[in-house]
């Protein structure tokens, strides 16, 4: 996971954290002011996904949509699959 953005959003402060994910497009070690300001203003919630959940989403996309996605591209599907069915 690379939770710096999440932790920064949650605590409303620019924070740094370690990153250990194969999703290079999501791997950020520190939050940046402009994106965080936008997130603080407009975002109601965050859904964190694991590498395993992204891998499962990649496989699902490949099997059902015949689309090969990079890990960062599969993250939204992985997050959607974690939501209760009524919210999908």
Protein backbone atom coordinates (compact mmCIF):
# COMPACT_ATOMS: atom_id res chain seq x y z
CA UNK A 1 0.00 0.00 0.00
CA UNK A 2 0.92 3.63 -0.41
CA UNK A 3 -1.27 5.38 2.16
CA UNK A 4 0.38 8.83 2.33
CA UNK A 5 -2.45 10.49 0.41
CA UNK A 6 -5.08 8.73 2.51
CA UNK A 7 -3.42 9.57 5.82
CA UNK A 8 -2.95 13.17 4.73
CA UNK A 9 -6.59 13.43 3.68
CA UNK A 10 -7.78 11.83 6.92
CA UNK A 11 -5.65 14.01 9.21
CA UNK A 12 -5.96 17.15 7.04
CA UNK A 13 -2.18 17.60 7.07
CA UNK A 14 0.55 16.97 4.51
CA UNK A 15 2.20 13.74 5.63
CA UNK A 16 4.82 11.34 4.35
CA UNK A 17 4.78 7.56 4.64
CA UNK A 18 6.49 4.49 3.27
CA UNK A 19 5.25 2.84 0.12
CA UNK A 20 5.21 -0.86 -0.57
CA UNK A 21 3.07 -1.53 -3.63
CA UNK A 22 3.50 -2.85 -7.12
CA UNK A 23 1.14 -0.12 -8.37
CA UNK A 24 3.78 2.41 -9.35
CA UNK A 25 1.13 4.83 -10.60
CA UNK A 26 -0.25 5.08 -7.07
CA UNK A 27 2.98 4.88 -5.11
CA UNK A 28 3.50 8.24 -3.49
CA UNK A 29 5.61 8.70 -0.39
CA UNK A 30 4.32 12.16 0.43
CA UNK A 31 1.19 14.19 -0.12
CA UNK A 32 1.24 17.35 -2.21
CA UNK A 33 -0.57 20.55 -1.30
CA UNK A 34 -2.74 21.18 -4.38
CA UNK A 35 -4.14 17.65 -4.77
CA UNK A 36 -4.76 17.41 -1.04
CA UNK A 37 -6.62 20.74 -0.99
CA UNK A 38 -8.89 19.42 -3.76
CA UNK A 39 -9.40 16.13 -1.92
CA UNK A 40 -10.16 17.88 1.37
CA UNK A 41 -12.75 20.02 -0.35
CA UNK A 42 -14.46 17.46 -2.58
CA UNK A 43 -13.85 13.93 -1.30
CA UNK A 44 -16.22 12.27 1.16
CA UNK A 45 -14.40 8.97 1.60
CA UNK A 46 -11.39 6.89 0.54
CA UNK A 47 -11.26 3.18 -0.26
CA UNK A 48 -7.82 1.65 0.20
CA UNK A 49 -7.08 -1.52 -1.77
CA UNK A 50 -4.31 -4.04 -1.37
CA UNK A 51 -1.96 -5.37 -4.03
CA UNK A 52 -3.86 -8.67 -3.90
CA UNK A 53 -7.16 -6.88 -4.55
CA UNK A 54 -5.63 -5.01 -7.49
CA UNK A 55 -4.26 -8.28 -8.89
CA UNK A 56 -7.72 -9.84 -8.63
CA UNK A 57 -9.21 -6.83 -10.42
CA UNK A 58 -6.60 -7.13 -13.19
CA UNK A 59 -7.57 -10.78 -13.69
CA UNK A 60 -11.29 -9.92 -13.66
CA UNK A 61 -10.79 -7.19 -16.28
CA UNK A 62 -8.75 -9.55 -18.42
CA UNK A 63 -11.30 -12.36 -18.18
CA UNK A 64 -14.48 -10.32 -18.62
CA UNK A 65 -13.51 -7.25 -20.65
CA UNK A 66 -10.48 -8.73 -22.44
CA UNK A 67 -8.59 -5.68 -21.19
CA UNK A 68 -5.15 -5.78 -19.61
CA UNK A 69 -4.89 -2.99 -17.04
CA UNK A 70 -1.90 -1.82 -15.10
CA UNK A 71 -2.31 -2.00 -11.30
CA UNK A 72 -3.24 1.68 -10.93
CA UNK A 73 -5.84 1.24 -13.67
CA UNK A 74 -7.38 -1.74 -11.88
CA UNK A 75 -7.51 0.02 -8.50
CA UNK A 76 -10.93 1.66 -9.08
CA UNK A 77 -12.47 -1.73 -9.90
CA UNK A 78 -10.80 -3.25 -6.84
CA UNK A 79 -12.27 -0.45 -4.73
CA UNK A 80 -15.74 -0.85 -6.26
CA UNK A 81 -15.68 -4.56 -5.49
CA UNK A 82 -15.09 -3.74 -1.80
CA UNK A 83 -18.24 -1.62 -1.62
CA UNK A 84 -21.57 -3.07 -0.57
CA UNK A 85 -23.65 -4.14 -3.61
CA UNK A 86 -26.13 -1.31 -3.05
CA UNK A 87 -23.35 1.24 -3.56
CA UNK A 88 -21.89 -0.24 -6.76
